[in-house]
Amino acid sequence: MNNNCTETAMNETITATGLPPAFPDHNQLPDEDGTFVKNFQEHPQSIILTDSIGPVVERLHPDGQYAIGQDCGIYWRETDPPERGAEAPDWFYVPNVPATLDGFRRSYVLWREHMAPFITNLGRNPVLLGRLYIRM
């Protein structure tokens, strides 16, 4: 019996498809929109919230893995312009994330960190954004 092998060449057309660009991170997104504080009480309220909840979050996260932000963007979807996919609550708390990225945070980017803020204070105009308002 002859065990000759026959190789058949197949023509394949391989088309390279480019991947879409990666979603931007906190360094690539705007960290301000040119508006100023609308309410003199925003800053003192944020300080009171942070001071009040501080001991509790420190007990919950002895490893320091939480972020508290005030008047900075939470980017929750990619849009053009980027600011349309962001909210800037007066104050927010996100558990189980690093407090800073590379030493600081310009904004919180939900599609990068996959953890929705647990508590947000959107001032007098609350906007419900899925889990972004208040989860209790």
Foldseek 3Di string as FASTA:
>chain_A
DDDDDDDDDDDDDDDDDDDDDDDDDQVPADWDDPDDDPDPCLVVVQVVVCVVCVVVVCVVCVVQAKAKDAQTWEQDDDDVVSVVRIAGFRMFMWGRHHHADPPHGSYHYCVVPVTETQDTHRDPDDDDDPNNHHDD
